Amino acid sequence: MNKLLEKIPPKRRGDVKRKLLVDVGTALFTQKGFFNTSLDDIVQTAGVPKGSFYYYFGTKEEYIFEVIKNYKTYFSKKLDRVLNDESATPLKRLKSFTEEATNAVLRFEFKRGCLVGNLGQEMASLEDDVRVCLLELLNDWQHRFSACIDEAKAAGEIATSVDSQQLAQFFWSAWEGGVLCAKLERSTKPLDNVSTLFFDHMLLPIQPSLSKRASP
């Protein structure tokens, strides 16, 4: 048994074990994808018997929806923290997300990607329920980005006349591709390119006036 589980009272071990299996799957799927992750990989990493998996999840396919739900919760908290940070301007919040995400790719040494990108490539053409679930998650991210872009427009930070939802859709399409290329190249250059083109050329940030620059 996982040593961490041994320290937990027996009555609580069930819930903790189930959550542990989902967390492990989330990490493995972002690194190896669905088809390259075996059930043995999951239970061995979690340090639990294989029977525990089938006790909590009927099949690996059912399990994947719990993993997606878990990733949604994790990523929503991250987006809320960054995009709703009222101590920063809307444009700065958007940039902060790309900076944090790029640093995360570096921290995991280009081994982890995005769950939506990984599963989307593997399963969208095979499992329609998975495709719909991933699309709903991606649409939520686009909506959050679009709302922040609207705030940046209202605050006079950007001059673009392009529809905010279109910009958000473009960003996430480019960013997901950038994450994949970053893993292939083992470099942050693809993500840096997406950020530079999106923020400097598509959003058209308004530069401070010369008078403001000269003021103390």
Protein backbone atom coordinates (compact mmCIF):
# COMPACT_ATOMS: atom_id res chain seq x y z
CA MET A 1 0.00 0.00 0.00
CA ASN A 2 1.05 3.57 -0.66
CA LYS A 3 2.80 4.83 2.50
CA LEU A 4 0.72 7.99 2.44
CA LEU A 5 -2.48 5.94 2.56
CA GLU A 6 -1.22 3.99 5.56
CA LYS A 7 -1.28 7.19 7.63
CA ILE A 8 -4.93 7.90 6.79
CA PRO A 9 -7.75 6.44 8.93
CA PRO A 10 -9.35 3.39 7.21
CA LYS A 11 -12.75 5.12 6.91
CA ARG A 12 -11.21 7.88 4.79
CA ARG A 13 -8.90 5.74 2.68
CA GLY A 14 -11.53 5.00 0.05
CA ASP A 15 -12.08 8.62 -0.94
CA VAL A 16 -8.38 9.41 -0.75
CA LYS A 17 -7.47 6.36 -2.84
CA ARG A 18 -10.00 7.26 -5.52
CA LYS A 19 -8.73 10.85 -5.67
CA LEU A 20 -5.14 9.59 -5.81
CA LEU A 21 -5.92 7.39 -8.80
CA VAL A 22 -7.52 10.32 -10.62
CA ASP A 23 -4.62 12.65 -9.83
CA VAL A 24 -2.11 10.06 -11.04
CA GLY A 25 -4.04 9.58 -14.26
CA THR A 26 -4.18 13.33 -14.82
CA ALA A 27 -0.39 13.57 -14.52
CA LEU A 28 0.29 10.50 -16.69
CA PHE A 29 -2.16 11.44 -19.44
CA THR A 30 -0.65 14.92 -19.75
CA GLN A 31 2.76 13.29 -20.13
CA LYS A 32 2.18 10.06 -22.02
CA GLY A 33 -1.33 10.36 -23.40
CA PHE A 34 -4.16 7.86 -23.02
CA PHE A 35 -3.11 4.95 -25.19
CA ASN A 36 0.50 4.97 -24.01
CA THR A 37 -0.58 4.83 -20.35
CA SER A 38 -1.38 1.32 -19.17
CA LEU A 39 -3.50 0.39 -16.20
CA ASP A 40 -0.35 -0.99 -14.59
CA ASP A 41 1.28 2.43 -14.99
CA ILE A 42 -1.61 4.01 -13.11
CA VAL A 43 -1.88 1.61 -10.18
CA GLN A 44 1.87 1.22 -9.76
CA THR A 45 2.40 4.98 -9.69
CA ALA A 46 -0.46 5.37 -7.23
CA GLY A 47 0.86 2.47 -5.14
CA VAL A 48 -2.51 0.69 -4.94
CA PRO A 49 -3.70 -2.78 -6.01
CA LYS A 50 -5.20 -3.17 -9.47
CA GLY A 51 -8.43 -4.33 -7.86
CA SER A 52 -8.84 -0.88 -6.33
CA PHE A 53 -9.05 0.61 -9.79
CA TYR A 54 -11.94 -1.61 -10.84
CA TYR A 55 -13.66 -1.01 -7.52
CA TYR A 56 -13.85 2.74 -8.17
CA PHE A 57 -14.00 2.77 -11.98
CA GLY A 58 -15.68 0.15 -14.12
CA THR A 59 -13.40 0.62 -17.11
CA LYS A 60 -10.46 2.73 -18.21
CA GLU A 61 -12.87 4.58 -20.53
CA GLU A 62 -15.10 5.58 -17.59
CA TYR A 63 -12.03 6.62 -15.67
CA ILE A 64 -11.00 9.07 -18.35
CA PHE A 65 -14.06 11.25 -17.75
CA GLU A 66 -13.09 11.58 -14.10
CA VAL A 67 -9.60 12.59 -15.18
CA ILE A 68 -11.00 15.25 -17.52
CA LYS A 69 -13.25 16.54 -14.75
CA ASN A 70 -10.25 16.68 -12.42
CA TYR A 71 -8.19 18.60 -14.99
CA LYS A 72 -11.09 21.01 -15.52
CA THR A 73 -11.21 21.78 -11.79
CA TYR A 74 -7.46 22.28 -11.62
CA PHE A 75 -7.23 24.48 -14.71
CA SER A 76 -10.32 26.53 -13.85
CA LYS A 77 -8.77 27.46 -10.51
CA LYS A 78 -5.57 28.47 -12.30
CA LEU A 79 -7.43 30.64 -14.82
CA ASP A 80 -9.58 32.20 -12.10
CA ARG A 81 -6.51 33.06 -10.05
CA VAL A 82 -4.69 34.70 -12.95
CA LEU A 83 -7.48 36.22 -15.05
CA ASN A 84 -9.50 37.56 -12.10
CA ASP A 85 -6.52 39.15 -10.37
CA GLU A 86 -7.74 42.73 -9.91
CA SER A 87 -4.30 43.87 -8.75
CA ALA A 88 -3.16 43.59 -12.39
CA THR A 89 -4.57 45.13 -15.56
CA PRO A 90 -6.53 42.84 -17.91
CA LEU A 91 -3.71 42.77 -20.47
CA LYS A 92 -1.18 41.94 -17.78
CA ARG A 93 -3.39 39.08 -16.58
CA LEU A 94 -3.47 37.57 -20.05
CA LYS A 95 0.30 37.85 -20.33
CA SER A 96 0.73 36.38 -16.85
CA PHE A 97 -1.11 33.25 -17.94
CA THR A 98 1.24 32.62 -20.87
CA GLU A 99 4.26 33.34 -18.68
CA GLU A 100 3.12 30.89 -16.00
CA ALA A 101 2.21 28.24 -18.55
CA THR A 102 5.56 28.58 -20.31
CA ASN A 103 7.39 28.28 -16.98
CA ALA A 104 5.39 25.12 -16.22
CA VAL A 105 6.49 23.55 -19.50
CA LEU A 106 10.07 24.31 -18.51
CA ARG A 107 9.57 22.99 -14.98
CA PHE A 108 8.41 19.63 -16.30
CA GLU A 109 11.30 19.57 -18.81
CA PHE A 110 8.99 19.54 -21.85
CA LYS A 111 7.58 16.14 -20.83
CA ARG A 112 4.05 17.26 -20.01
CA GLY A 113 1.60 18.75 -22.43
CA CYS A 114 -2.02 19.80 -22.16
CA LEU A 115 -4.59 17.12 -21.37
CA VAL A 116 -7.02 18.59 -23.91
CA GLY A 117 -4.36 18.62 -26.62
CA ASN A 118 -3.15 15.10 -25.85
CA LEU A 119 -6.55 13.46 -25.61
CA GLY A 120 -7.95 15.53 -28.46
CA GLN A 121 -5.36 14.11 -30.84
CA GLU A 122 -5.80 10.56 -29.60
CA MET A 123 -9.50 10.14 -28.95
CA ALA A 124 -11.58 12.84 -30.65
CA SER A 125 -11.98 10.73 -33.79
CA LEU A 126 -12.72 7.56 -31.80
CA GLU A 127 -14.91 8.52 -28.85
CA ASP A 128 -17.53 11.19 -29.53
CA ASP A 129 -18.42 11.57 -25.85
CA VAL A 130 -14.79 12.35 -25.07
CA ARG A 131 -14.63 14.80 -27.98
CA VAL A 132 -17.68 16.69 -26.69
CA CYS A 133 -16.32 16.75 -23.15
CA LEU A 134 -12.97 18.14 -24.29
CA LEU A 135 -14.65 20.69 -26.55
CA GLU A 136 -16.78 21.97 -23.67
CA LEU A 137 -13.62 22.42 -21.62
CA LEU A 138 -11.84 24.27 -24.42
CA ASN A 139 -14.89 26.49 -24.98
CA ASP A 140 -14.83 27.42 -21.29
CA TRP A 141 -11.19 28.51 -21.54
CA GLN A 142 -12.00 30.56 -24.63
CA HIS A 143 -14.89 32.25 -22.85
CA ARG A 144 -12.66 33.21 -19.91
CA PHE A 145 -10.01 34.62 -22.23
CA SER A 146 -12.63 36.47 -24.29
CA ALA A 147 -14.02 38.14 -21.15
CA CYS A 148 -10.55 39.33 -20.16
CA ILE A 149 -9.90 40.66 -23.66
CA ASP A 150 -13.17 42.60 -23.42
CA GLU A 151 -11.93 44.09 -20.16
CA ALA A 152 -8.65 45.12 -21.82
CA LYS A 153 -10.61 46.83 -24.61
CA ALA A 154 -12.82 48.66 -22.11
CA ALA A 155 -9.76 49.75 -20.13
CA GLY A 156 -8.17 51.22 -23.27
CA GLU A 157 -5.19 48.85 -23.15
CA ILE A 158 -5.62 47.41 -26.65
CA ALA A 159 -6.79 48.91 -29.94
CA THR A 160 -7.86 45.80 -31.87
CA SER A 161 -11.32 45.79 -33.45
CA VAL A 162 -11.35 42.02 -33.89
CA ASP A 163 -14.14 40.23 -32.02
CA SER A 164 -12.90 39.07 -28.60
CA GLN A 165 -14.33 35.57 -28.98
CA GLN A 166 -12.54 35.13 -32.31
CA LEU A 167 -9.31 36.29 -30.73
CA ALA A 168 -9.75 33.85 -27.84
CA GLN A 169 -10.46 30.97 -30.22
CA PHE A 170 -7.39 31.84 -32.26
CA PHE A 171 -5.21 32.07 -29.16
CA TRP A 172 -6.16 28.65 -27.83
CA SER A 173 -5.78 26.99 -31.23
CA ALA A 174 -2.30 28.52 -31.57
CA TRP A 175 -1.36 27.85 -27.94
CA GLU A 176 -2.29 24.16 -28.06
CA GLY A 177 -0.17 23.81 -31.19
CA GLY A 178 2.62 25.71 -29.47
CA VAL A 179 2.59 23.32 -26.52
CA LEU A 180 2.93 20.35 -28.88
CA CYS A 181 5.80 21.98 -30.80
CA ALA A 182 7.53 22.96 -27.55
CA LYS A 183 7.58 19.29 -26.54
CA LEU A 184 8.93 18.25 -29.94
CA GLU A 185 11.61 20.94 -30.06
CA ARG A 186 12.33 20.88 -26.32
CA SER A 187 12.25 24.64 -26.47
CA THR A 188 9.91 27.43 -25.36
CA LYS A 189 10.41 29.21 -28.70
CA PRO A 190 7.03 28.04 -30.13
CA LEU A 191 5.22 29.37 -27.06
CA ASP A 192 7.21 32.60 -27.14
CA ASN A 193 6.25 33.06 -30.79
CA VAL A 194 2.55 32.59 -30.03
CA SER A 195 2.74 35.08 -27.17
CA THR A 196 4.64 37.71 -29.17
CA LEU A 197 2.40 37.54 -32.22
CA PHE A 198 -0.80 37.47 -30.18
CA PHE A 199 -0.01 40.27 -27.74
CA ASP A 200 2.10 42.57 -29.91
CA HIS A 201 0.35 42.23 -33.25
CA MET A 202 -3.17 40.86 -32.83
CA LEU A 203 -4.23 42.71 -29.69
CA LEU A 204 -2.48 45.96 -30.75
CA PRO A 205 -1.50 47.20 -27.29
CA ILE A 206 -1.75 50.96 -26.87
CA GLN A 207 1.62 52.49 -26.05
CA PRO A 208 1.93 55.16 -23.37
CA SER A 209 2.08 58.70 -24.77
CA LEU A 210 5.41 60.54 -24.85
CA SER A 211 4.13 62.93 -22.19
CA LYS A 212 3.36 60.09 -19.83
CA ARG A 213 6.74 58.52 -20.45
CA ALA A 214 8.45 61.75 -19.56
CA SER A 215 6.49 62.30 -16.36
CA PRO A 216 8.16 61.30 -13.06
